[in-house]
Amino acid sequence: MIFVDTNYFLRLLNDDKSALHKKATDFFIKAASGKGNYMTSHLVIFEIYWVLKSFYHQDKIRLVSMIGSILKMDCIEIEARIQLLEALALFSESSLEFEDCYHIQIAKSAKCTNIATFDTKLFRAYVLEKVDFSKGKDFEKVAKKLGL
């Protein structure tokens, strides 16, 4: 098993014609051919997101496209892939940050009945939906209202 770090994905996405881009491209071609076992973590996905947003100043449409292309790589085992894909879908349709969308998906998959947060934007995602967790409303109803 080979762990794939952030910089390999970034070099693949950044087609700068450099030797490192070629090396990353060759690496992923090999992975796609089924030669070897590869994996990465959800933290790597968030590092990629942060670099693309902060350093390369990618807009939301490009971020969704680029992160989505990585998450759809079947040749790489990605920790929490389903939750990341669901978070990316929510991120693409909402004003929430990607990490908050991920928190929602992780909470949903764990069947949490509430999210304790001081993040007003995340909190409003629930309050504006008129969901009162204290009166027994469950997370699945919130997810349904959010279109998840």
Protein backbone atom coordinates (compact mmCIF):
# COMPACT_ATOMS: atom_id res chain seq x y z
CA MET A 1 0.00 0.00 0.00
CA ILE A 2 1.27 3.46 -0.92
CA PHE A 3 -0.04 6.58 0.80
CA VAL A 4 -0.51 9.46 -1.66
CA ASP A 5 0.24 12.87 -0.18
CA THR A 6 -1.15 16.27 -1.12
CA ASN A 7 1.71 17.36 -3.36
CA TYR A 8 1.23 14.48 -5.82
CA PHE A 9 -2.40 15.44 -6.37
CA LEU A 10 -1.52 19.12 -6.66
CA ARG A 11 1.20 18.38 -9.21
CA LEU A 12 -1.28 16.36 -11.23
CA LEU A 13 -3.84 19.17 -11.16
CA ASN A 14 -1.28 21.90 -11.88
CA ASP A 15 -0.34 21.20 -15.50
CA ASP A 16 2.76 23.40 -15.50
CA LYS A 17 4.72 21.10 -17.87
CA SER A 18 7.31 20.52 -15.14
CA ALA A 19 9.17 17.30 -14.43
CA LEU A 20 7.13 16.94 -11.22
CA HIS A 21 3.86 17.20 -13.14
CA LYS A 22 5.06 14.45 -15.48
CA LYS A 23 6.14 12.29 -12.54
CA ALA A 24 2.75 12.74 -10.84
CA THR A 25 0.92 12.01 -14.11
CA ASP A 26 2.93 8.83 -14.64
CA PHE A 27 2.27 7.82 -11.03
CA PHE A 28 -1.51 8.17 -11.44
CA ILE A 29 -1.46 6.37 -14.80
CA LYS A 30 0.27 3.47 -13.06
CA ALA A 31 -2.29 3.58 -10.24
CA ALA A 32 -5.16 3.61 -12.75
CA SER A 33 -3.70 0.56 -14.50
CA GLY A 34 -4.21 -1.45 -11.31
CA LYS A 35 -0.52 -1.86 -10.52
CA GLY A 36 -0.26 -1.48 -6.77
CA ASN A 37 -2.50 -0.35 -3.94
CA TYR A 38 -2.89 3.33 -3.14
CA MET A 39 -4.71 5.31 -0.47
CA THR A 40 -5.04 8.80 0.93
CA SER A 41 -6.89 10.51 3.77
CA HIS A 42 -9.64 13.04 4.15
CA LEU A 43 -7.01 15.43 5.53
CA VAL A 44 -5.13 15.30 2.24
CA ILE A 45 -8.36 16.24 0.44
CA PHE A 46 -8.75 19.25 2.73
CA GLU A 47 -5.12 20.26 2.20
CA ILE A 48 -5.70 20.12 -1.56
CA TYR A 49 -8.83 22.24 -1.14
CA TRP A 50 -6.99 24.79 1.00
CA VAL A 51 -4.04 25.12 -1.42
CA LEU A 52 -6.30 25.41 -4.46
CA LYS A 53 -8.44 28.04 -2.75
CA SER A 54 -5.77 30.02 -0.89
CA PHE A 55 -2.69 29.76 -3.08
CA TYR A 56 -4.12 29.21 -6.57
CA HIS A 57 -7.27 31.31 -5.91
CA GLN A 58 -9.59 28.84 -7.59
CA ASP A 59 -13.27 29.74 -7.59
CA LYS A 60 -15.96 27.47 -6.20
CA ILE A 61 -16.83 25.92 -9.57
CA ARG A 62 -13.20 24.95 -10.20
CA LEU A 63 -12.76 23.74 -6.62
CA VAL A 64 -15.76 21.43 -6.94
CA SER A 65 -14.52 20.15 -10.29
CA MET A 66 -10.93 19.56 -9.17
CA ILE A 67 -11.78 17.98 -5.81
CA GLY A 68 -14.51 15.94 -7.49
CA SER A 69 -12.05 14.56 -10.04
CA ILE A 70 -9.82 13.33 -7.22
CA LEU A 71 -12.69 11.83 -5.23
CA LYS A 72 -13.80 9.89 -8.30
CA MET A 73 -10.41 8.18 -8.70
CA ASP A 74 -11.38 4.56 -8.12
CA CYS A 75 -7.73 3.48 -8.16
CA ILE A 76 -7.08 5.31 -4.88
CA GLU A 77 -8.68 4.28 -1.62
CA ILE A 78 -9.91 7.50 -0.03
CA GLU A 79 -10.87 7.64 3.62
CA ALA A 80 -14.52 8.75 3.99
CA ARG A 81 -14.97 9.03 0.20
CA ILE A 82 -18.79 8.88 0.38
CA GLN A 83 -19.00 11.62 3.01
CA LEU A 84 -16.53 13.74 1.05
CA LEU A 85 -18.57 13.37 -2.16
CA GLU A 86 -21.77 14.24 -0.30
CA ALA A 87 -20.04 17.21 1.32
CA LEU A 88 -18.79 18.38 -2.06
CA ALA A 89 -22.33 18.19 -3.47
CA LEU A 90 -23.68 20.23 -0.55
CA PHE A 91 -20.79 22.71 -0.85
CA SER A 92 -21.54 23.22 -4.55
CA GLU A 93 -25.15 24.20 -3.76
CA SER A 94 -24.80 26.17 -0.53
CA SER A 95 -22.99 29.08 1.05
CA LEU A 96 -21.37 26.80 3.64
CA GLU A 97 -17.65 26.12 3.57
CA PHE A 98 -16.49 22.71 2.37
CA GLU A 99 -15.29 21.70 5.85
CA ASP A 100 -18.70 22.53 7.36
CA CYS A 101 -20.40 20.48 4.67
CA TYR A 102 -18.09 17.62 5.60
CA HIS A 103 -18.98 18.00 9.28
CA ILE A 104 -22.65 17.74 8.34
CA GLN A 105 -22.01 14.56 6.37
CA ILE A 106 -19.92 12.95 9.10
CA ALA A 107 -22.60 13.79 11.66
CA LYS A 108 -25.26 12.41 9.33
CA SER A 109 -23.39 9.15 8.77
CA ALA A 110 -22.94 8.78 12.54
CA LYS A 111 -26.67 9.41 13.00
CA CYS A 112 -26.04 12.40 15.26
CA THR A 113 -29.18 14.18 16.38
CA ASN A 114 -27.52 17.55 16.87
CA ILE A 115 -24.44 19.61 16.06
CA ALA A 116 -23.01 21.70 18.89
CA THR A 117 -21.30 24.69 17.32
CA PHE A 118 -20.65 28.39 17.78
CA ASP A 119 -20.31 28.71 14.00
CA THR A 120 -23.34 30.86 13.21
CA LYS A 121 -23.34 29.98 9.51
CA LEU A 122 -23.40 26.26 10.24
CA PHE A 123 -25.97 26.81 12.98
CA ARG A 124 -28.19 28.85 10.61
CA ALA A 125 -28.15 25.97 8.13
CA TYR A 126 -30.27 24.18 10.71
CA VAL A 127 -32.19 27.02 12.38
CA LEU A 128 -33.42 28.49 9.10
CA GLU A 129 -34.79 25.09 8.19
CA LYS A 130 -37.02 25.36 11.30
CA VAL A 131 -35.62 22.20 12.79
CA ASP A 132 -35.75 21.94 16.55
CA PHE A 133 -33.47 19.11 17.62
CA SER A 134 -34.51 19.52 21.25
CA LYS A 135 -38.04 18.41 20.40
CA GLY A 136 -36.90 15.14 18.84
CA LYS A 137 -36.46 16.12 15.19
CA ASP A 138 -33.77 13.93 13.74
CA PHE A 139 -30.83 14.66 11.50
CA GLU A 140 -32.29 12.72 8.55
CA LYS A 141 -35.05 15.34 8.21
CA VAL A 142 -32.43 18.09 8.06
CA ALA A 143 -30.45 16.17 5.48
CA LYS A 144 -33.60 15.68 3.39
CA LYS A 145 -34.41 19.39 3.54
CA LEU A 146 -30.85 20.17 2.46
CA GLY A 147 -31.28 17.81 -0.47
CA LEU A 148 -28.75 15.24 0.67
